[in-house]
Amino acid sequence: VCGVVTGDMGVSKKGEPKDSYTPGVELRAKYTVFAEGCR
């Protein structure tokens, strides 16, 4: 594990990019701590 990628923004229900589409960002790290809460 070397990080996470954030979700794309501006994607339609059909999975197609809208005018507001912004790709997610790769957040890379030496260590990644997962603290999402239950499940």
ModelCIF file with pLDDT and N, C-alpha, C, O atoms, coordinates in Angstrom:
data_MODEL
#
_entry.id   MODEL 
#
_entity.id                         1 
_entity.type                       polymer 
_entity.pdbx_number_of_molecules   1 
#
_entity_poly.entity_id                      1 
_entity_poly.type                           'polypeptide(L)' 
_entity_poly.nstd_linkage                   no 
_entity_poly.nstd_monomer                   no 
_entity_poly.pdbx_seq_one_letter_code       VCGVVTGDMGVSKKGEPKDSYTPGVELRAKYTVFAEGCR 
_entity_poly.pdbx_seq_one_letter_code_can   VCGVVTGDMGVSKKGEPKDSYTPGVELRAKYTVFAEGCR 
_entity_poly.pdbx_strand_id                 A 
#
loop_
_entity_poly_seq.entity_id 
_entity_poly_seq.num 
_entity_poly_seq.mon_id 
_entity_poly_seq.hetero 
1 1  VAL n 
1 2  CYS n 
1 3  GLY n 
1 4  VAL n 
1 5  VAL n 
1 6  THR n 
1 7  GLY n 
1 8  ASP n 
1 9  MET n 
1 10 GLY n 
1 11 VAL n 
1 12 SER n 
1 13 LYS n 
1 14 LYS n 
1 15 GLY n 
1 16 GLU n 
1 17 PRO n 
1 18 LYS n 
1 19 ASP n 
1 20 SER n 
1 21 TYR n 
1 22 THR n 
1 23 PRO n 
1 24 GLY n 
1 25 VAL n 
1 26 GLU n 
1 27 LEU n 
1 28 ARG n 
1 29 ALA n 
1 30 LYS n 
1 31 TYR n 
1 32 THR n 
1 33 VAL n 
1 34 PHE n 
1 35 ALA n 
1 36 GLU n 
1 37 GLY n 
1 38 CYS n 
1 39 ARG n 
#
_struct_asym.id          A 
_struct_asym.entity_id   1 
#
loop_
_ma_qa_metric.id 
_ma_qa_metric.mode 
_ma_qa_metric.name 
_ma_qa_metric.software_group_id 
_ma_qa_metric.type 
1 global pLDDT . pLDDT 
2 local  pLDDT . pLDDT 
#
_ma_qa_metric_global.metric_id      1 
_ma_qa_metric_global.metric_value   96.36 
_ma_qa_metric_global.model_id       1 
_ma_qa_metric_global.ordinal_id     1 
#
loop_
_ma_qa_metric_local.label_asym_id 
_ma_qa_metric_local.label_comp_id 
_ma_qa_metric_local.label_seq_id 
_ma_qa_metric_local.metric_id 
_ma_qa_metric_local.metric_value 
_ma_qa_metric_local.model_id 
_ma_qa_metric_local.ordinal_id 
A VAL 1  2 98.00 1 1  
A CYS 2  2 98.00 1 2  
A GLY 3  2 98.00 1 3  
A VAL 4  2 98.00 1 4  
A VAL 5  2 98.00 1 5  
A THR 6  2 98.00 1 6  
A GLY 7  2 96.00 1 7  
A ASP 8  2 96.00 1 8  
A MET 9  2 95.00 1 9  
A GLY 10 2 95.00 1 10 
A VAL 11 2 95.00 1 11 
A SER 12 2 96.00 1 12 
A LYS 13 2 94.00 1 13 
A LYS 14 2 93.00 1 14 
A GLY 15 2 93.00 1 15 
A GLU 16 2 94.00 1 16 
A PRO 17 2 93.00 1 17 
A LYS 18 2 95.00 1 18 
A ASP 19 2 94.00 1 19 
A SER 20 2 93.00 1 20 
A TYR 21 2 94.00 1 21 
A THR 22 2 95.00 1 22 
A PRO 23 2 95.00 1 23 
A GLY 24 2 96.00 1 24 
A VAL 25 2 97.00 1 25 
A GLU 26 2 98.00 1 26 
A LEU 27 2 98.00 1 27 
A ARG 28 2 98.00 1 28 
A ALA 29 2 98.00 1 29 
A LYS 30 2 98.00 1 30 
A TYR 31 2 98.00 1 31 
A THR 32 2 98.00 1 32 
A VAL 33 2 98.00 1 33 
A PHE 34 2 98.00 1 34 
A ALA 35 2 98.00 1 35 
A GLU 36 2 98.00 1 36 
A GLY 37 2 98.00 1 37 
A CYS 38 2 98.00 1 38 
A ARG 39 2 97.00 1 39 
#
loop_
_atom_site.group_PDB 
_atom_site.id 
_atom_site.type_symbol 
_atom_site.label_atom_id 
_atom_site.label_alt_id 
_atom_site.label_comp_id 
_atom_site.label_asym_id 
_atom_site.label_entity_id 
_atom_site.label_seq_id 
_atom_site.pdbx_PDB_ins_code 
_atom_site.Cartn_x 
_atom_site.Cartn_y 
_atom_site.Cartn_z 
_atom_site.occupancy 
_atom_site.B_iso_or_equiv 
_atom_site.pdbx_formal_charge 
_atom_site.auth_seq_id 
_atom_site.auth_comp_id 
_atom_site.auth_asym_id 
_atom_site.auth_atom_id 
_atom_site.pdbx_PDB_model_num 
ATOM 1   N N  . VAL A 1 1  ? 0.851   -1.195 0.000   1.00 98.00 ? 1  VAL A N  1 
ATOM 2   C CA . VAL A 1 1  ? 0.000   0.000  0.000   1.00 98.00 ? 1  VAL A CA 1 
ATOM 3   C C  . VAL A 1 1  ? 0.884   1.241  0.000   1.00 98.00 ? 1  VAL A C  1 
ATOM 4   O O  . VAL A 1 1  ? 1.797   1.360  0.817   1.00 98.00 ? 1  VAL A O  1 
ATOM 5   N N  . CYS A 1 2  ? 0.614   2.154  -0.908  1.00 98.00 ? 2  CYS A N  1 
ATOM 6   C CA . CYS A 1 2  ? 1.428   3.379  -0.972  1.00 98.00 ? 2  CYS A CA 1 
ATOM 7   C C  . CYS A 1 2  ? 0.562   4.622  -1.117  1.00 98.00 ? 2  CYS A C  1 
ATOM 8   O O  . CYS A 1 2  ? 1.007   5.634  -1.659  1.00 98.00 ? 2  CYS A O  1 
ATOM 9   N N  . GLY A 1 3  ? -0.683  4.546  -0.628  1.00 98.00 ? 3  GLY A N  1 
ATOM 10  C CA . GLY A 1 3  ? -1.529  5.716  -0.635  1.00 98.00 ? 3  GLY A CA 1 
ATOM 11  C C  . GLY A 1 3  ? -2.944  5.400  -1.073  1.00 98.00 ? 3  GLY A C  1 
ATOM 12  O O  . GLY A 1 3  ? -3.343  4.239  -1.157  1.00 98.00 ? 3  GLY A O  1 
ATOM 13  N N  . VAL A 1 4  ? -3.701  6.465  -1.353  1.00 98.00 ? 4  VAL A N  1 
ATOM 14  C CA . VAL A 1 4  ? -5.080  6.315  -1.820  1.00 98.00 ? 4  VAL A CA 1 
ATOM 15  C C  . VAL A 1 4  ? -5.318  7.303  -2.946  1.00 98.00 ? 4  VAL A C  1 
ATOM 16  O O  . VAL A 1 4  ? -4.576  8.270  -3.118  1.00 98.00 ? 4  VAL A O  1 
ATOM 17  N N  . VAL A 1 5  ? -6.371  7.040  -3.710  1.00 98.00 ? 5  VAL A N  1 
ATOM 18  C CA . VAL A 1 5  ? -6.796  7.986  -4.734  1.00 98.00 ? 5  VAL A CA 1 
ATOM 19  C C  . VAL A 1 5  ? -8.190  8.474  -4.352  1.00 98.00 ? 5  VAL A C  1 
ATOM 20  O O  . VAL A 1 5  ? -9.059  7.673  -4.005  1.00 98.00 ? 5  VAL A O  1 
ATOM 21  N N  . THR A 1 6  ? -8.401  9.780  -4.416  1.00 98.00 ? 6  THR A N  1 
ATOM 22  C CA . THR A 1 6  ? -9.715  10.328 -4.096  1.00 98.00 ? 6  THR A CA 1 
ATOM 23  C C  . THR A 1 6  ? -10.649 10.129 -5.278  1.00 98.00 ? 6  THR A C  1 
ATOM 24  O O  . THR A 1 6  ? -10.208 9.960  -6.415  1.00 98.00 ? 6  THR A O  1 
ATOM 25  N N  . GLY A 1 7  ? -11.944 10.152 -4.995  1.00 96.00 ? 7  GLY A N  1 
ATOM 26  C CA . GLY A 1 7  ? -12.924 9.899  -6.043  1.00 96.00 ? 7  GLY A CA 1 
ATOM 27  C C  . GLY A 1 7  ? -13.013 11.021 -7.054  1.00 96.00 ? 7  GLY A C  1 
ATOM 28  O O  . GLY A 1 7  ? -12.821 12.192 -6.727  1.00 96.00 ? 7  GLY A O  1 
ATOM 29  N N  . ASP A 1 8  ? -13.306 10.647 -8.282  1.00 96.00 ? 8  ASP A N  1 
ATOM 30  C CA . ASP A 1 8  ? -13.541 11.643 -9.323  1.00 96.00 ? 8  ASP A CA 1 
ATOM 31  C C  . ASP A 1 8  ? -14.795 12.447 -8.980  1.00 96.00 ? 8  ASP A C  1 
ATOM 32  O O  . ASP A 1 8  ? -15.747 11.909 -8.415  1.00 96.00 ? 8  ASP A O  1 
ATOM 33  N N  . MET A 1 9  ? -14.792 13.715 -9.317  1.00 95.00 ? 9  MET A N  1 
ATOM 34  C CA . MET A 1 9  ? -15.948 14.588 -9.118  1.00 95.00 ? 9  MET A CA 1 
ATOM 35  C C  . MET A 1 9  ? -16.537 14.915 -10.493 1.00 95.00 ? 9  MET A C  1 
ATOM 36  O O  . MET A 1 9  ? -15.809 15.018 -11.480 1.00 95.00 ? 9  MET A O  1 
ATOM 37  N N  . GLY A 1 10 ? -17.860 15.076 -10.544 1.00 95.00 ? 10 GLY A N  1 
ATOM 38  C CA . GLY A 1 10 ? -18.495 15.468 -11.795 1.00 95.00 ? 10 GLY A CA 1 
ATOM 39  C C  . GLY A 1 10 ? -18.669 14.335 -12.776 1.00 95.00 ? 10 GLY A C  1 
ATOM 40  O O  . GLY A 1 10 ? -18.472 14.515 -13.978 1.00 95.00 ? 10 GLY A O  1 
ATOM 41  N N  . VAL A 1 11 ? -19.043 13.141 -12.269 1.00 95.00 ? 11 VAL A N  1 
ATOM 42  C CA . VAL A 1 11 ? -19.339 12.000 -13.123 1.00 95.00 ? 11 VAL A CA 1 
ATOM 43  C C  . VAL A 1 11 ? -20.839 11.752 -13.078 1.00 95.00 ? 11 VAL A C  1 
ATOM 44  O O  . VAL A 1 11 ? -21.429 11.758 -11.998 1.00 95.00 ? 11 VAL A O  1 
ATOM 45  N N  . SER A 1 12 ? -21.467 11.533 -14.229 1.00 96.00 ? 12 SER A N  1 
ATOM 46  C CA . SER A 1 12 ? -22.913 11.358 -14.294 1.00 96.00 ? 12 SER A CA 1 
ATOM 47  C C  . SER A 1 12 ? -23.320 9.959  -13.858 1.00 96.00 ? 12 SER A C  1 
ATOM 48  O O  . SER A 1 12 ? -22.477 9.085  -13.656 1.00 96.00 ? 12 SER A O  1 
ATOM 49  N N  . LYS A 1 13 ? -24.630 9.764  -13.717 1.00 94.00 ? 13 LYS A N  1 
ATOM 50  C CA . LYS A 1 13 ? -25.157 8.445  -13.361 1.00 94.00 ? 13 LYS A CA 1 
ATOM 51  C C  . LYS A 1 13 ? -24.719 7.382  -14.358 1.00 94.00 ? 13 LYS A C  1 
ATOM 52  O O  . LYS A 1 13 ? -24.537 6.221  -13.991 1.00 94.00 ? 13 LYS A O  1 
ATOM 53  N N  . LYS A 1 14 ? -24.552 7.770  -15.605 1.00 93.00 ? 14 LYS A N  1 
ATOM 54  C CA . LYS A 1 14 ? -24.155 6.826  -16.648 1.00 93.00 ? 14 LYS A CA 1 
ATOM 55  C C  . LYS A 1 14 ? -22.656 6.555  -16.650 1.00 93.00 ? 14 LYS A C  1 
ATOM 56  O O  . LYS A 1 14 ? -22.160 5.768  -17.455 1.00 93.00 ? 14 LYS A O  1 
ATOM 57  N N  . GLY A 1 15 ? -21.928 7.228  -15.725 1.00 93.00 ? 15 GLY A N  1 
ATOM 58  C CA . GLY A 1 15 ? -20.485 7.034  -15.675 1.00 93.00 ? 15 GLY A CA 1 
ATOM 59  C C  . GLY A 1 15 ? -19.713 7.898  -16.635 1.00 93.00 ? 15 GLY A C  1 
ATOM 60  O O  . GLY A 1 15 ? -18.527 7.670  -16.870 1.00 93.00 ? 15 GLY A O  1 
ATOM 61  N N  . GLU A 1 16 ? -20.381 8.898  -17.196 1.00 94.00 ? 16 GLU A N  1 
ATOM 62  C CA . GLU A 1 16 ? -19.735 9.781  -18.168 1.00 94.00 ? 16 GLU A CA 1 
ATOM 63  C C  . GLU A 1 16 ? -19.336 11.098 -17.508 1.00 94.00 ? 16 GLU A C  1 
ATOM 64  O O  . GLU A 1 16 ? -20.044 11.579 -16.623 1.00 94.00 ? 16 GLU A O  1 
ATOM 65  N N  . PRO A 1 17 ? -18.217 11.686 -17.922 1.00 93.00 ? 17 PRO A N  1 
ATOM 66  C CA . PRO A 1 17 ? -17.800 12.970 -17.332 1.00 93.00 ? 17 PRO A CA 1 
ATOM 67  C C  . PRO A 1 17 ? -18.747 14.096 -17.727 1.00 93.00 ? 17 PRO A C  1 
ATOM 68  O O  . PRO A 1 17 ? -19.139 14.224 -18.887 1.00 93.00 ? 17 PRO A O  1 
ATOM 69  N N  . LYS A 1 18 ? -19.108 14.916 -16.728 1.00 95.00 ? 18 LYS A N  1 
ATOM 70  C CA . LYS A 1 18 ? -19.933 16.093 -16.986 1.00 95.00 ? 18 LYS A CA 1 
ATOM 71  C C  . LYS A 1 18 ? -19.013 17.296 -17.202 1.00 95.00 ? 18 LYS A C  1 
ATOM 72  O O  . LYS A 1 18 ? -17.789 17.169 -17.145 1.00 95.00 ? 18 LYS A O  1 
ATOM 73  N N  . ASP A 1 19 ? -19.613 18.464 -17.451 1.00 94.00 ? 19 ASP A N  1 
ATOM 74  C CA . ASP A 1 19 ? -18.806 19.669 -17.649 1.00 94.00 ? 19 ASP A CA 1 
ATOM 75  C C  . ASP A 1 19 ? -17.982 19.989 -16.411 1.00 94.00 ? 19 ASP A C  1 
ATOM 76  O O  . ASP A 1 19 ? -16.920 20.604 -16.504 1.00 94.00 ? 19 ASP A O  1 
ATOM 77  N N  . SER A 1 20 ? -18.478 19.569 -15.248 1.00 93.00 ? 20 SER A N  1 
ATOM 78  C CA . SER A 1 20 ? -17.800 19.860 -13.985 1.00 93.00 ? 20 SER A CA 1 
ATOM 79  C C  . SER A 1 20 ? -16.767 18.793 -13.608 1.00 93.00 ? 20 SER A C  1 
ATOM 80  O O  . SER A 1 20 ? -16.240 18.806 -12.495 1.00 93.00 ? 20 SER A O  1 
ATOM 81  N N  . TYR A 1 21 ? -16.481 17.884 -14.519 1.00 94.00 ? 21 TYR A N  1 
ATOM 82  C CA . TYR A 1 21 ? -15.616 16.739 -14.184 1.00 94.00 ? 21 TYR A CA 1 
ATOM 83  C C  . TYR A 1 21 ? -14.236 17.185 -13.696 1.00 94.00 ? 21 TYR A C  1 
ATOM 84  O O  . TYR A 1 21 ? -13.574 18.024 -14.306 1.00 94.00 ? 21 TYR A O  1 
ATOM 85  N N  . THR A 1 22 ? -13.832 16.588 -12.569 1.00 95.00 ? 22 THR A N  1 
ATOM 86  C CA . THR A 1 22 ? -12.490 16.791 -12.028 1.00 95.00 ? 22 THR A CA 1 
ATOM 87  C C  . THR A 1 22 ? -11.952 15.430 -11.582 1.00 95.00 ? 22 THR A C  1 
ATOM 88  O O  . THR A 1 22 ? -12.563 14.783 -10.731 1.00 95.00 ? 22 THR A O  1 
ATOM 89  N N  . PRO A 1 23 ? -10.847 14.992 -12.126 1.00 95.00 ? 23 PRO A N  1 
ATOM 90  C CA . PRO A 1 23 ? -10.338 13.677 -11.718 1.00 95.00 ? 23 PRO A CA 1 
ATOM 91  C C  . PRO A 1 23 ? -9.843  13.689 -10.280 1.00 95.00 ? 23 PRO A C  1 
ATOM 92  O O  . PRO A 1 23 ? -9.404  14.721 -9.773  1.00 95.00 ? 23 PRO A O  1 
ATOM 93  N N  . GLY A 1 24 ? -9.917  12.542 -9.631  1.00 96.00 ? 24 GLY A N  1 
ATOM 94  C CA . GLY A 1 24 ? -9.409  12.410 -8.275  1.00 96.00 ? 24 GLY A CA 1 
ATOM 95  C C  . GLY A 1 24 ? -7.905  12.582 -8.234  1.00 96.00 ? 24 GLY A C  1 
ATOM 96  O O  . GLY A 1 24 ? -7.224  12.558 -9.260  1.00 96.00 ? 24 GLY A O  1 
ATOM 97  N N  . VAL A 1 25 ? -7.407  12.758 -7.023  1.00 97.00 ? 25 VAL A N  1 
ATOM 98  C CA . VAL A 1 25 ? -5.980  13.020 -6.804  1.00 97.00 ? 25 VAL A CA 1 
ATOM 99  C C  . VAL A 1 25 ? -5.336  11.806 -6.141  1.00 97.00 ? 25 VAL A C  1 
ATOM 100 O O  . VAL A 1 25 ? -5.922  11.188 -5.252  1.00 97.00 ? 25 VAL A O  1 
ATOM 101 N N  . GLU A 1 26 ? -4.138  11.476 -6.579  1.00 98.00 ? 26 GLU A N  1 
ATOM 102 C CA . GLU A 1 26 ? -3.371  10.421 -5.920  1.00 98.00 ? 26 GLU A CA 1 
ATOM 103 C C  . GLU A 1 26 ? -2.651  11.023 -4.713  1.00 98.00 ? 26 GLU A C  1 
ATOM 104 O O  . GLU A 1 26 ? -1.831  11.931 -4.848  1.00 98.00 ? 26 GLU A O  1 
ATOM 105 N N  . LEU A 1 27 ? -2.973  10.500 -3.548  1.00 98.00 ? 27 LEU A N  1 
ATOM 106 C CA . LEU A 1 27 ? -2.307  10.918 -2.312  1.00 98.00 ? 27 LEU A CA 1 
ATOM 107 C C  . LEU A 1 27 ? -1.365  9.786  -1.922  1.00 98.00 ? 27 LEU A C  1 
ATOM 108 O O  . LEU A 1 27 ? -1.795  8.765  -1.386  1.00 98.00 ? 27 LEU A O  1 
ATOM 109 N N  . ARG A 1 28 ? -0.093  9.974  -2.191  1.00 98.00 ? 28 ARG A N  1 
ATOM 110 C CA . ARG A 1 28 ? 0.890   8.914  -1.958  1.00 98.00 ? 28 ARG A CA 1 
ATOM 111 C C  . ARG A 1 28 ? 1.634   9.154  -0.650  1.00 98.00 ? 28 ARG A C  1 
ATOM 112 O O  . ARG A 1 28 ? 1.870   10.292 -0.245  1.00 98.00 ? 28 ARG A O  1 
ATOM 113 N N  . ALA A 1 29 ? 1.998   8.046  0.001   1.00 98.00 ? 29 ALA A N  1 
ATOM 114 C CA . ALA A 1 29 ? 2.620   8.183  1.319   1.00 98.00 ? 29 ALA A CA 1 
ATOM 115 C C  . ALA A 1 29 ? 3.526   7.000  1.617   1.00 98.00 ? 29 ALA A C  1 
ATOM 116 O O  . ALA A 1 29 ? 3.401   5.924  1.032   1.00 98.00 ? 29 ALA A O  1 
ATOM 117 N N  . LYS A 1 30 ? 4.439   7.237  2.541   1.00 98.00 ? 30 LYS A N  1 
ATOM 118 C CA . LYS A 1 30 ? 5.270   6.135  3.035   1.00 98.00 ? 30 LYS A CA 1 
ATOM 119 C C  . LYS A 1 30 ? 4.426   5.171  3.852   1.00 98.00 ? 30 LYS A C  1 
ATOM 120 O O  . LYS A 1 30 ? 4.622   3.956  3.811   1.00 98.00 ? 30 LYS A O  1 
ATOM 121 N N  . TYR A 1 31 ? 3.466   5.749  4.608   1.00 98.00 ? 31 TYR A N  1 
ATOM 122 C CA . TYR A 1 31 ? 2.537   4.918  5.371   1.00 98.00 ? 31 TYR A CA 1 
ATOM 123 C C  . TYR A 1 31 ? 1.132   5.518  5.285   1.00 98.00 ? 31 TYR A C  1 
ATOM 124 O O  . TYR A 1 31 ? 0.958   6.736  5.320   1.00 98.00 ? 31 TYR A O  1 
ATOM 125 N N  . THR A 1 32 ? 0.140   4.640  5.173   1.00 98.00 ? 32 THR A N  1 
ATOM 126 C CA . THR A 1 32 ? -1.253  5.053  5.086   1.00 98.00 ? 32 THR A CA 1 
ATOM 127 C C  . THR A 1 32 ? -2.017  4.449  6.255   1.00 98.00 ? 32 THR A C  1 
ATOM 128 O O  . THR A 1 32 ? -1.974  3.239  6.482   1.00 98.00 ? 32 THR A O  1 
ATOM 129 N N  . VAL A 1 33 ? -2.711  5.298  6.990   1.00 98.00 ? 33 VAL A N  1 
ATOM 130 C CA . VAL A 1 33 ? -3.483  4.867  8.154   1.00 98.00 ? 33 VAL A CA 1 
ATOM 131 C C  . VAL A 1 33 ? -4.966  4.933  7.796   1.00 98.00 ? 33 VAL A C  1 
ATOM 132 O O  . VAL A 1 33 ? -5.463  5.974  7.365   1.00 98.00 ? 33 VAL A O  1 
ATOM 133 N N  . PHE A 1 34 ? -5.662  3.822  7.976   1.00 98.00 ? 34 PHE A N  1 
ATOM 134 C CA . PHE A 1 34 ? -7.073  3.750  7.623   1.00 98.00 ? 34 PHE A CA 1 
ATOM 135 C C  . PHE A 1 34 ? -7.914  3.904  8.892   1.00 98.00 ? 34 PHE A C  1 
ATOM 136 O O  . PHE A 1 34 ? -7.854  3.080  9.805   1.00 98.00 ? 34 PHE A O  1 
ATOM 137 N N  . ALA A 1 35 ? -8.698  4.984  8.919   1.00 98.00 ? 35 ALA A N  1 
ATOM 138 C CA . ALA A 1 35 ? -9.499  5.346  10.092  1.00 98.00 ? 35 ALA A CA 1 
ATOM 139 C C  . ALA A 1 35 ? -10.900 5.751  9.640   1.00 98.00 ? 35 ALA A C  1 
ATOM 140 O O  . ALA A 1 35 ? -11.409 6.802  10.030  1.00 98.00 ? 35 ALA A O  1 
ATOM 141 N N  . GLU A 1 36 ? -11.517 4.906  8.814   1.00 98.00 ? 36 GLU A N  1 
ATOM 142 C CA . GLU A 1 36 ? -12.803 5.239  8.204   1.00 98.00 ? 36 GLU A CA 1 
ATOM 143 C C  . GLU A 1 36 ? -13.987 5.056  9.149   1.00 98.00 ? 36 GLU A C  1 
ATOM 144 O O  . GLU A 1 36 ? -15.088 5.515  8.844   1.00 98.00 ? 36 GLU A O  1 
ATOM 145 N N  . GLY A 1 37 ? -13.785 4.402  10.278  1.00 98.00 ? 37 GLY A N  1 
ATOM 146 C CA . GLY A 1 37 ? -14.898 4.083  11.156  1.00 98.00 ? 37 GLY A CA 1 
ATOM 147 C C  . GLY A 1 37 ? -15.447 2.703  10.855  1.00 98.00 ? 37 GLY A C  1 
ATOM 148 O O  . GLY A 1 37 ? -14.882 1.956  10.056  1.00 98.00 ? 37 GLY A O  1 
ATOM 149 N N  . CYS A 1 38 ? -16.557 2.373  11.502  1.00 98.00 ? 38 CYS A N  1 
ATOM 150 C CA . CYS A 1 38 ? -17.148 1.040  11.402  1.00 98.00 ? 38 CYS A CA 1 
ATOM 151 C C  . CYS A 1 38 ? -17.488 0.685  9.951   1.00 98.00 ? 38 CYS A C  1 
ATOM 152 O O  . CYS A 1 38 ? -18.119 1.464  9.236   1.00 98.00 ? 38 CYS A O  1 
ATOM 153 N N  . ARG A 1 39 ? -17.061 -0.495 9.540   1.00 97.00 ? 39 ARG A N  1 
ATOM 154 C CA . ARG A 1 39 ? -17.326 -1.058 8.208   1.00 97.00 ? 39 ARG A CA 1 
ATOM 155 C C  . ARG A 1 39 ? -16.834 -0.127 7.096   1.00 97.00 ? 39 ARG A C  1 
ATOM 156 O O  . ARG A 1 39 ? -16.978 -0.446 5.916   1.00 97.00 ? 39 ARG A O  1 
#
